[in-house]
Amino acid sequence: MAQISFSIVIVCLNPGKKLLPTVESVLKQQYGNYEILIKDGGSSDNSLAAVPADSRIRLVTSADTGIYDAMNQALPYLSGQYVLFLNCGDILHDSQVLSEMAKAIENKKASDLEGDSQTHKERIRIFYGNQYNEKQDSVVYSAPEVNDFTCYRNVPCHQVCFYDIRLFGERGYDTKYKVRADYEHFLYCIYERHAQAVYTELLVADYEGGGFSETAENRRISAKEHSEITKHYLGREKVLRYKTVMLLTLAPLRTKLAENEKYAGYYNAVKNGIYRVVKKRK
């Protein structure tokens, strides 16, 4: 049986010292069937000179309009079956990430064969896990089930999502969204491409925190884009229902706890405990 192949995309523009640790975290993988595609926007800080010569690394340099345009430009060069997008400064959690993810994918395929293989063998999927937030010194657990409410409030970040490459065959990220293009594309995959999101308990990536979407201005843009995207995919009635639920469950306060360096660890541990209880009841 052929091994699952992965494409790891790293986009950058004058990343300084952040690029090399990201690349090295992939090169340390004990799983061998992967490629690294560095999409550079035209860096002038000499950061690319530190990248080691390796046959698994390809560099594409061209001007782009931002992170999502850069990701889109990388797509035609990819040959893997599953693609993961990492930002500079993010790293794969340990040397077993790709091995464990490949195992999860193969196990899911094996379970398909035990059922109606004609129905399931071509099912397009997103395999996702959890992330470690370095700034908060805490594991951020993804929801173990992707349903309408999950899609409204808390989809997994792109750094922990391994996408079937076919999900980018018809279109990539919608670059009209400055902050939420990855979120919009995830919902597009679920609602328009009918992809199945499969949760693994794997700790995929370490996220440095304080990223692109977390500035005050981008938070404002993010809220506006979230409203537009959810109304498109979920409809006004569900959006109103879920917004009410979020308010009644003190979502603003919970967000502050989740982002607080002192309390984030406790909050995420409790959240994961609730996820496990809900999962057992189903």
C-alpha atoms as a PDB file:
ATOM      1  CA  MET A   1       0.000   0.000   0.000  1.00  0.00           C
ATOM      2  CA  ALA A   2       1.364   3.407  -0.995  1.00  0.00           C
ATOM      3  CA  GLN A   3       2.155   5.790   1.829  1.00  0.00           C
ATOM      4  CA  ILE A   4       0.056   8.897   2.404  1.00  0.00           C
ATOM      5  CA  SER A   5       1.909  11.894   0.975  1.00  0.00           C
ATOM      6  CA  PHE A   6       1.902  15.338   2.604  1.00  0.00           C
ATOM      7  CA  SER A   7       2.597  18.831   1.317  1.00  0.00           C
ATOM      8  CA  ILE A   8       3.620  21.332   4.002  1.00  0.00           C
ATOM      9  CA  VAL A   9       3.226  24.928   2.830  1.00  0.00           C
ATOM     10  CA  ILE A  10       5.089  27.746   4.573  1.00  0.00           C
ATOM     11  CA  VAL A  11       4.416  31.291   3.380  1.00  0.00           C
ATOM     12  CA  CYS A  12       6.717  34.135   4.280  1.00  0.00           C
ATOM     13  CA  LEU A  13       7.843  37.679   3.631  1.00  0.00           C
ATOM     14  CA  ASN A  14      10.906  38.914   5.532  1.00  0.00           C
ATOM     15  CA  PRO A  15      10.308  36.390   8.343  1.00  0.00           C
ATOM     16  CA  GLY A  16      13.684  36.924  10.007  1.00  0.00           C
ATOM     17  CA  LYS A  17      14.624  34.092  12.373  1.00  0.00           C
ATOM     18  CA  LYS A  18      11.121  32.592  12.408  1.00  0.00           C
ATOM     19  CA  LEU A  19      11.416  30.700   9.130  1.00  0.00           C
ATOM     20  CA  LEU A  20      14.187  28.264  10.008  1.00  0.00           C
ATOM     21  CA  PRO A  21      12.578  26.701  13.135  1.00  0.00           C
ATOM     22  CA  THR A  22       9.383  26.101  11.162  1.00  0.00           C
ATOM     23  CA  VAL A  23      11.279  24.381   8.352  1.00  0.00           C
ATOM     24  CA  GLU A  24      13.412  22.371  10.788  1.00  0.00           C
ATOM     25  CA  SER A  25      10.341  21.083  12.633  1.00  0.00           C
ATOM     26  CA  VAL A  26       9.219  19.473   9.365  1.00  0.00           C
ATOM     27  CA  LEU A  27      12.671  18.136   8.463  1.00  0.00           C
ATOM     28  CA  LYS A  28      12.805  16.414  11.867  1.00  0.00           C
ATOM     29  CA  GLN A  29       9.775  14.285  11.028  1.00  0.00           C
ATOM     30  CA  GLN A  30      10.434  10.566  11.180  1.00  0.00           C
ATOM     31  CA  TYR A  31       7.844  10.047   8.468  1.00  0.00           C
ATOM     32  CA  GLY A  32       9.466  10.359   5.079  1.00  0.00           C
ATOM     33  CA  ASN A  33       6.784  10.971   2.458  1.00  0.00           C
ATOM     34  CA  TYR A  34       6.403  14.735   2.468  1.00  0.00           C
ATOM     35  CA  GLU A  35       7.458  17.876   0.642  1.00  0.00           C
ATOM     36  CA  ILE A  36       7.969  21.432   1.884  1.00  0.00           C
ATOM     37  CA  LEU A  37       6.868  24.305  -0.314  1.00  0.00           C
ATOM     38  CA  ILE A  38       8.155  27.715   0.819  1.00  0.00           C
ATOM     39  CA  LYS A  39       6.159  30.469  -0.851  1.00  0.00           C
ATOM     40  CA  ASP A  40       8.145  33.668  -0.443  1.00  0.00           C
ATOM     41  CA  GLY A  41       6.724  37.072  -1.303  1.00  0.00           C
ATOM     42  CA  GLY A  42      10.117  38.532  -2.164  1.00  0.00           C
ATOM     43  CA  SER A  43      12.037  38.661   1.116  1.00  0.00           C
ATOM     44  CA  SER A  44      14.984  41.024   1.360  1.00  0.00           C
ATOM     45  CA  ASP A  45      16.145  40.129   4.899  1.00  0.00           C
ATOM     46  CA  ASN A  46      18.397  37.226   3.881  1.00  0.00           C
ATOM     47  CA  SER A  47      16.223  34.801   5.872  1.00  0.00           C
ATOM     48  CA  LEU A  48      16.044  32.321   2.990  1.00  0.00           C
ATOM     49  CA  ALA A  49      19.825  31.860   3.068  1.00  0.00           C
ATOM     50  CA  ALA A  50      19.471  29.958   6.362  1.00  0.00           C
ATOM     51  CA  VAL A  51      17.196  27.299   4.836  1.00  0.00           C
ATOM     52  CA  PRO A  52      19.225  24.085   4.376  1.00  0.00           C
ATOM     53  CA  ALA A  53      19.648  22.483   0.988  1.00  0.00           C
ATOM     54  CA  ASP A  54      17.296  19.510   0.869  1.00  0.00           C
ATOM     55  CA  SER A  55      15.616  17.746  -2.031  1.00  0.00           C
ATOM     56  CA  ARG A  56      12.296  17.841  -0.174  1.00  0.00           C
ATOM     57  CA  ILE A  57      12.255  21.652  -0.078  1.00  0.00           C
ATOM     58  CA  ARG A  58      11.091  23.796  -2.961  1.00  0.00           C
ATOM     59  CA  LEU A  59      11.107  27.581  -3.019  1.00  0.00           C
ATOM     60  CA  VAL A  60       8.684  29.687  -5.030  1.00  0.00           C
ATOM     61  CA  THR A  61       9.273  33.433  -5.017  1.00  0.00           C
ATOM     62  CA  SER A  62       6.689  35.837  -6.417  1.00  0.00           C
ATOM     63  CA  ALA A  63       4.890  38.979  -5.315  1.00  0.00           C
ATOM     64  CA  ASP A  64       1.604  38.441  -3.522  1.00  0.00           C
ATOM     65  CA  THR A  65      -1.053  40.558  -1.835  1.00  0.00           C
ATOM     66  CA  GLY A  66      -0.937  38.793   1.528  1.00  0.00           C
ATOM     67  CA  ILE A  67      -0.951  35.475   3.332  1.00  0.00           C
ATOM     68  CA  TYR A  68      -4.019  34.005   1.616  1.00  0.00           C
ATOM     69  CA  ASP A  69      -2.898  35.028  -1.856  1.00  0.00           C
ATOM     70  CA  ALA A  70       0.473  33.451  -1.063  1.00  0.00           C
ATOM     71  CA  MET A  71      -1.227  30.217  -0.023  1.00  0.00           C
ATOM     72  CA  ASN A  72      -3.219  30.201  -3.258  1.00  0.00           C
ATOM     73  CA  GLN A  73      -0.085  30.730  -5.315  1.00  0.00           C
ATOM     74  CA  ALA A  74       1.490  27.690  -3.665  1.00  0.00           C
ATOM     75  CA  LEU A  75      -1.317  25.320  -4.669  1.00  0.00           C
ATOM     76  CA  PRO A  76      -0.293  24.563  -8.296  1.00  0.00           C
ATOM     77  CA  TYR A  77       3.123  23.342  -7.122  1.00  0.00           C
ATOM     78  CA  LEU A  78       1.855  20.744  -4.638  1.00  0.00           C
ATOM     79  CA  SER A  79       1.996  17.011  -5.220  1.00  0.00           C
ATOM     80  CA  GLY A  80       0.897  15.630  -1.837  1.00  0.00           C
ATOM     81  CA  GLN A  81      -2.445  14.018  -1.078  1.00  0.00           C
ATOM     82  CA  TYR A  82      -2.938  16.155   2.024  1.00  0.00           C
ATOM     83  CA  VAL A  83      -1.821  19.739   2.582  1.00  0.00           C
ATOM     84  CA  LEU A  84      -1.009  21.569   5.818  1.00  0.00           C
ATOM     85  CA  PHE A  85      -0.399  25.327   5.933  1.00  0.00           C
ATOM     86  CA  LEU A  86       2.044  26.585   8.567  1.00  0.00           C
ATOM     87  CA  ASN A  87       2.868  30.196   9.354  1.00  0.00           C
ATOM     88  CA  CYS A  88       6.449  31.225  10.034  1.00  0.00           C
ATOM     89  CA  GLY A  89       7.033  30.804  13.750  1.00  0.00           C
ATOM     90  CA  ASP A  90       4.678  27.836  14.036  1.00  0.00           C
ATOM     91  CA  ILE A  91       6.275  24.415  14.381  1.00  0.00           C
ATOM     92  CA  LEU A  92       5.115  20.812  14.233  1.00  0.00           C
ATOM     93  CA  HIS A  93       4.796  19.707  17.840  1.00  0.00           C
ATOM     94  CA  ASP A  94       7.180  16.760  17.669  1.00  0.00           C
ATOM     95  CA  SER A  95       8.886  14.408  15.226  1.00  0.00           C
ATOM     96  CA  GLN A  96       5.926  11.998  15.136  1.00  0.00           C
ATOM     97  CA  VAL A  97       3.200  14.361  13.884  1.00  0.00           C
ATOM     98  CA  LEU A  98       3.200  13.219  10.254  1.00  0.00           C
ATOM     99  CA  SER A  99       3.578   9.548  11.226  1.00  0.00           C
ATOM    100  CA  GLU A 100       0.618   9.721  13.579  1.00  0.00           C
ATOM    101  CA  MET A 101      -1.514  11.688  11.144  1.00  0.00           C
ATOM    102  CA  ALA A 102      -0.751   9.218   8.348  1.00  0.00           C
ATOM    103  CA  LYS A 103      -1.772   6.412  10.715  1.00  0.00           C
ATOM    104  CA  ALA A 104      -5.071   8.186  11.489  1.00  0.00           C
ATOM    105  CA  ILE A 105      -5.806   8.599   7.784  1.00  0.00           C
ATOM    106  CA  GLU A 106      -4.994   4.973   7.018  1.00  0.00           C
ATOM    107  CA  ASN A 107      -7.123   3.770   9.942  1.00  0.00           C
ATOM    108  CA  LYS A 108     -10.076   5.771   8.639  1.00  0.00           C
ATOM    109  CA  LYS A 109      -9.611   4.273   5.195  1.00  0.00           C
ATOM    110  CA  ALA A 110      -9.473   0.798   6.706  1.00  0.00           C
ATOM    111  CA  SER A 111     -12.729   1.371   8.594  1.00  0.00           C
ATOM    112  CA  ASP A 112     -14.327   2.493   5.325  1.00  0.00           C
ATOM    113  CA  LEU A 113     -13.469  -0.824   3.729  1.00  0.00           C
ATOM    114  CA  GLU A 114     -15.274  -2.633   6.519  1.00  0.00           C
ATOM    115  CA  GLY A 115     -18.456  -0.822   5.530  1.00  0.00           C
ATOM    116  CA  ASP A 116     -19.803   0.191   2.154  1.00  0.00           C
ATOM    117  CA  SER A 117     -16.530   0.859   0.334  1.00  0.00           C
ATOM    118  CA  GLN A 118     -18.300   2.005  -2.809  1.00  0.00           C
ATOM    119  CA  THR A 119     -19.943   4.783  -0.833  1.00  0.00           C
ATOM    120  CA  HIS A 120     -16.998   5.889   1.260  1.00  0.00           C
ATOM    121  CA  LYS A 121     -13.806   5.247  -0.659  1.00  0.00           C
ATOM    122  CA  GLU A 122     -13.894   8.624  -2.405  1.00  0.00           C
ATOM    123  CA  ARG A 123     -15.021  10.614   0.643  1.00  0.00           C
ATOM    124  CA  ILE A 124     -13.103  13.878   0.875  1.00  0.00           C
ATOM    125  CA  ARG A 125     -11.907  14.671   4.372  1.00  0.00           C
ATOM    126  CA  ILE A 126     -10.161  17.166   6.613  1.00  0.00           C
ATOM    127  CA  PHE A 127      -8.153  15.537   9.402  1.00  0.00           C
ATOM    128  CA  TYR A 128      -7.472  17.859  12.320  1.00  0.00           C
ATOM    129  CA  GLY A 129      -6.028  17.877  15.815  1.00  0.00           C
ATOM    130  CA  ASN A 130      -5.051  20.252  18.614  1.00  0.00           C
ATOM    131  CA  GLN A 131      -2.518  23.050  19.019  1.00  0.00           C
ATOM    132  CA  TYR A 132      -0.212  24.231  21.763  1.00  0.00           C
ATOM    133  CA  ASN A 133      -0.262  27.996  22.336  1.00  0.00           C
ATOM    134  CA  GLU A 134       3.219  29.059  23.420  1.00  0.00           C
ATOM    135  CA  LYS A 135       2.145  32.500  24.616  1.00  0.00           C
ATOM    136  CA  GLN A 136      -0.489  31.016  26.921  1.00  0.00           C
ATOM    137  CA  ASP A 137       1.572  27.888  27.732  1.00  0.00           C
ATOM    138  CA  SER A 138      -1.554  25.846  27.146  1.00  0.00           C
ATOM    139  CA  VAL A 139      -2.982  23.203  24.817  1.00  0.00           C
ATOM    140  CA  VAL A 140      -5.954  24.544  22.856  1.00  0.00           C
ATOM    141  CA  TYR A 141      -8.292  21.638  22.167  1.00  0.00           C
ATOM    142  CA  SER A 142     -10.330  21.537  18.991  1.00  0.00           C
ATOM    143  CA  ALA A 143     -13.979  20.525  19.093  1.00  0.00           C
ATOM    144  CA  PRO A 144     -14.199  16.746  18.530  1.00  0.00           C
ATOM    145  CA  GLU A 145     -17.221  17.155  16.277  1.00  0.00           C
ATOM    146  CA  VAL A 146     -17.795  19.668  13.499  1.00  0.00           C
ATOM    147  CA  ASN A 147     -21.473  20.599  13.368  1.00  0.00           C
ATOM    148  CA  ASP A 148     -23.365  23.822  12.665  1.00  0.00           C
ATOM    149  CA  PHE A 149     -22.631  25.253  16.102  1.00  0.00           C
ATOM    150  CA  THR A 150     -18.944  24.363  15.817  1.00  0.00           C
ATOM    151  CA  CYS A 151     -18.825  26.078  12.440  1.00  0.00           C
ATOM    152  CA  TYR A 152     -20.352  29.183  13.981  1.00  0.00           C
ATOM    153  CA  ARG A 153     -18.097  29.496  16.990  1.00  0.00           C
ATOM    154  CA  ASN A 154     -14.900  27.464  16.868  1.00  0.00           C
ATOM    155  CA  VAL A 155     -13.500  25.687  13.808  1.00  0.00           C
ATOM    156  CA  PRO A 156      -9.947  24.329  14.129  1.00  0.00           C
ATOM    157  CA  CYS A 157      -7.189  26.707  13.000  1.00  0.00           C
ATOM    158  CA  HIS A 158      -5.491  25.979   9.693  1.00  0.00           C
ATOM    159  CA  GLN A 159      -2.199  25.059  11.432  1.00  0.00           C
ATOM    160  CA  VAL A 160      -3.795  21.827  12.702  1.00  0.00           C
ATOM    161  CA  CYS A 161      -5.811  20.888   9.596  1.00  0.00           C
ATOM    162  CA  PHE A 162      -4.649  18.416   6.979  1.00  0.00           C
ATOM    163  CA  TYR A 163      -6.822  19.020   3.916  1.00  0.00           C
ATOM    164  CA  ASP A 164      -7.444  16.526   1.162  1.00  0.00           C
ATOM    165  CA  ILE A 165      -5.793  18.409  -1.722  1.00  0.00           C
ATOM    166  CA  ARG A 166      -8.952  17.955  -3.803  1.00  0.00           C
ATOM    167  CA  LEU A 167     -10.648  20.514  -1.579  1.00  0.00           C
ATOM    168  CA  PHE A 168      -8.527  23.146  -3.315  1.00  0.00           C
ATOM    169  CA  GLY A 169      -9.196  21.804  -6.809  1.00  0.00           C
ATOM    170  CA  GLU A 170     -12.140  24.080  -7.576  1.00  0.00           C
ATOM    171  CA  ARG A 171     -10.936  27.150  -5.725  1.00  0.00           C
ATOM    172  CA  GLY A 172      -8.518  28.304  -3.070  1.00  0.00           C
ATOM    173  CA  TYR A 173      -8.924  30.946  -0.390  1.00  0.00           C
ATOM    174  CA  ASP A 174     -11.247  33.866  -1.107  1.00  0.00           C
ATOM    175  CA  THR A 175      -8.839  36.785  -0.810  1.00  0.00           C
ATOM    176  CA  LYS A 176     -11.591  39.352  -0.338  1.00  0.00           C
ATOM    177  CA  TYR A 177     -11.444  38.239   3.296  1.00  0.00           C
ATOM    178  CA  LYS A 178      -8.443  39.804   4.965  1.00  0.00           C
ATOM    179  CA  VAL A 179      -8.536  37.851   8.242  1.00  0.00           C
ATOM    180  CA  ARG A 180     -11.100  35.069   7.875  1.00  0.00           C
ATOM    181  CA  ALA A 181     -10.325  33.521   4.480  1.00  0.00           C
ATOM    182  CA  ASP A 182      -9.189  30.249   6.090  1.00  0.00           C
ATOM    183  CA  TYR A 183     -12.389  30.167   8.160  1.00  0.00           C
ATOM    184  CA  GLU A 184     -14.502  30.822   5.065  1.00  0.00           C
ATOM    185  CA  HIS A 185     -12.722  28.078   3.151  1.00  0.00           C
ATOM    186  CA  PHE A 186     -13.271  25.584   5.983  1.00  0.00           C
ATOM    187  CA  LEU A 187     -17.022  26.263   5.871  1.00  0.00           C
ATOM    188  CA  TYR A 188     -16.939  26.046   2.077  1.00  0.00           C
ATOM    189  CA  CYS A 189     -15.359  22.592   2.410  1.00  0.00           C
ATOM    190  CA  ILE A 190     -18.038  21.442   4.867  1.00  0.00           C
ATOM    191  CA  TYR A 191     -21.150  22.932   3.289  1.00  0.00           C
ATOM    192  CA  GLU A 192     -20.386  23.082  -0.423  1.00  0.00           C
ATOM    193  CA  ARG A 193     -17.885  20.265  -0.919  1.00  0.00           C
ATOM    194  CA  HIS A 194     -19.503  18.097   1.788  1.00  0.00           C
ATOM    195  CA  ALA A 195     -16.129  17.212   3.265  1.00  0.00           C
ATOM    196  CA  GLN A 196     -16.037  15.150   6.439  1.00  0.00           C
ATOM    197  CA  ALA A 197     -14.021  16.656   9.281  1.00  0.00           C
ATOM    198  CA  VAL A 198     -12.271  13.938  11.280  1.00  0.00           C
ATOM    199  CA  TYR A 199     -10.899  14.765  14.721  1.00  0.00           C
ATOM    200  CA  THR A 200      -7.719  13.160  15.964  1.00  0.00           C
ATOM    201  CA  GLU A 201      -6.414  13.745  19.467  1.00  0.00           C
ATOM    202  CA  LEU A 202      -3.015  14.478  17.987  1.00  0.00           C
ATOM    203  CA  LEU A 203      -1.181  17.600  19.137  1.00  0.00           C
ATOM    204  CA  VAL A 204      -0.238  18.914  15.701  1.00  0.00           C
ATOM    205  CA  ALA A 205       1.411  22.321  15.978  1.00  0.00           C
ATOM    206  CA  ASP A 206       2.894  24.782  18.423  1.00  0.00           C
ATOM    207  CA  TYR A 207       1.516  28.265  17.767  1.00  0.00           C
ATOM    208  CA  GLU A 208       3.572  31.193  18.976  1.00  0.00           C
ATOM    209  CA  GLY A 209       0.539  33.420  19.657  1.00  0.00           C
ATOM    210  CA  GLY A 210       0.022  37.096  18.994  1.00  0.00           C
ATOM    211  CA  GLY A 211      -0.400  36.467  15.290  1.00  0.00           C
ATOM    212  CA  PHE A 212      -1.847  38.246  12.296  1.00  0.00           C
ATOM    213  CA  SER A 213      -5.500  37.977  13.327  1.00  0.00           C
ATOM    214  CA  GLU A 214      -4.957  39.129  16.917  1.00  0.00           C
ATOM    215  CA  THR A 215      -4.265  42.835  16.453  1.00  0.00           C
ATOM    216  CA  ALA A 216      -7.033  45.220  17.524  1.00  0.00           C
ATOM    217  CA  GLU A 217      -7.776  46.318  13.959  1.00  0.00           C
ATOM    218  CA  ASN A 218      -7.863  42.779  12.630  1.00  0.00           C
ATOM    219  CA  ARG A 219     -10.146  41.664  15.450  1.00  0.00           C
ATOM    220  CA  ARG A 220     -12.640  44.298  14.284  1.00  0.00           C
ATOM    221  CA  ILE A 221     -12.322  43.107  10.689  1.00  0.00           C
ATOM    222  CA  SER A 222     -12.580  39.505  11.861  1.00  0.00           C
ATOM    223  CA  ALA A 223     -15.916  40.134  13.588  1.00  0.00           C
ATOM    224  CA  LYS A 224     -17.341  41.743  10.453  1.00  0.00           C
ATOM    225  CA  GLU A 225     -16.132  38.939   8.210  1.00  0.00           C
ATOM    226  CA  HIS A 226     -17.423  36.300  10.636  1.00  0.00           C
ATOM    227  CA  SER A 227     -20.878  37.829  10.457  1.00  0.00           C
ATOM    228  CA  GLU A 228     -20.886  37.835   6.656  1.00  0.00           C
ATOM    229  CA  ILE A 229     -19.523  34.298   6.316  1.00  0.00           C
ATOM    230  CA  THR A 230     -21.854  32.683   8.863  1.00  0.00           C
ATOM    231  CA  LYS A 231     -24.936  34.297   7.352  1.00  0.00           C
ATOM    232  CA  HIS A 232     -23.922  32.921   3.957  1.00  0.00           C
ATOM    233  CA  TYR A 233     -23.348  29.332   5.082  1.00  0.00           C
ATOM    234  CA  LEU A 234     -25.682  28.977   8.076  1.00  0.00           C
ATOM    235  CA  GLY A 235     -28.461  31.450   7.380  1.00  0.00           C
ATOM    236  CA  ARG A 236     -29.774  34.291   9.515  1.00  0.00           C
ATOM    237  CA  GLU A 237     -32.005  32.126  11.719  1.00  0.00           C
ATOM    238  CA  LYS A 238     -29.188  29.842  12.890  1.00  0.00           C
ATOM    239  CA  VAL A 239     -26.803  32.773  13.314  1.00  0.00           C
ATOM    240  CA  LEU A 240     -29.292  34.541  15.584  1.00  0.00           C
ATOM    241  CA  ARG A 241     -29.870  31.341  17.568  1.00  0.00           C
ATOM    242  CA  TYR A 242     -26.175  30.661  18.062  1.00  0.00           C
ATOM    243  CA  LYS A 243     -25.393  34.281  18.865  1.00  0.00           C
ATOM    244  CA  THR A 244     -28.013  34.143  21.624  1.00  0.00           C
ATOM    245  CA  VAL A 245     -26.529  30.906  22.988  1.00  0.00           C
ATOM    246  CA  MET A 246     -23.072  32.483  23.046  1.00  0.00           C
ATOM    247  CA  LEU A 247     -24.334  35.489  24.989  1.00  0.00           C
ATOM    248  CA  LEU A 248     -26.252  33.361  27.475  1.00  0.00           C
ATOM    249  CA  THR A 249     -23.181  31.191  28.097  1.00  0.00           C
ATOM    250  CA  LEU A 250     -20.978  34.229  28.765  1.00  0.00           C
ATOM    251  CA  ALA A 251     -18.862  33.834  25.628  1.00  0.00           C
ATOM    252  CA  PRO A 252     -17.070  37.207  25.994  1.00  0.00           C
ATOM    253  CA  LEU A 253     -15.929  36.265  29.501  1.00  0.00           C
ATOM    254  CA  ARG A 254     -14.857  32.791  28.365  1.00  0.00           C
ATOM    255  CA  THR A 255     -12.836  34.332  25.548  1.00  0.00           C
ATOM    256  CA  LYS A 256     -10.975  36.520  28.018  1.00  0.00           C
ATOM    257  CA  LEU A 257     -10.216  33.490  30.187  1.00  0.00           C
ATOM    258  CA  ALA A 258      -9.020  31.518  27.160  1.00  0.00           C
ATOM    259  CA  GLU A 259      -6.638  34.314  26.168  1.00  0.00           C
ATOM    260  CA  ASN A 260      -5.365  35.076  29.659  1.00  0.00           C
ATOM    261  CA  GLU A 261      -1.894  33.607  30.236  1.00  0.00           C
ATOM    262  CA  LYS A 262      -2.724  32.889  33.881  1.00  0.00           C
ATOM    263  CA  TYR A 263      -6.055  31.134  33.341  1.00  0.00           C
ATOM    264  CA  ALA A 264      -5.810  29.722  29.796  1.00  0.00           C
ATOM    265  CA  GLY A 265      -4.474  26.349  30.909  1.00  0.00           C
ATOM    266  CA  TYR A 266      -7.300  25.791  33.390  1.00  0.00           C
ATOM    267  CA  TYR A 267      -9.910  26.979  30.914  1.00  0.00           C
ATOM    268  CA  ASN A 268      -8.704  24.728  28.106  1.00  0.00           C
ATOM    269  CA  ALA A 269      -8.492  21.727  30.434  1.00  0.00           C
ATOM    270  CA  VAL A 270     -12.100  22.249  31.529  1.00  0.00           C
ATOM    271  CA  LYS A 271     -13.203  22.734  27.918  1.00  0.00           C
ATOM    272  CA  ASN A 272     -11.534  19.488  26.884  1.00  0.00           C
ATOM    273  CA  GLY A 273     -13.206  17.694  29.788  1.00  0.00           C
ATOM    274  CA  ILE A 274     -16.596  18.902  28.594  1.00  0.00           C
ATOM    275  CA  TYR A 275     -15.799  17.775  25.047  1.00  0.00           C
ATOM    276  CA  ARG A 276     -14.976  14.286  26.346  1.00  0.00           C
ATOM    277  CA  VAL A 277     -18.178  14.037  28.386  1.00  0.00           C
ATOM    278  CA  VAL A 278     -20.319  15.100  25.444  1.00  0.00           C
ATOM    279  CA  LYS A 279     -18.528  12.666  23.144  1.00  0.00           C
ATOM    280  CA  LYS A 280     -19.089   9.731  25.546  1.00  0.00           C
ATOM    281  CA  ARG A 281     -22.829  10.463  25.742  1.00  0.00           C
ATOM    282  CA  LYS A 282     -23.199  10.181  21.954  1.00  0.00           C
END
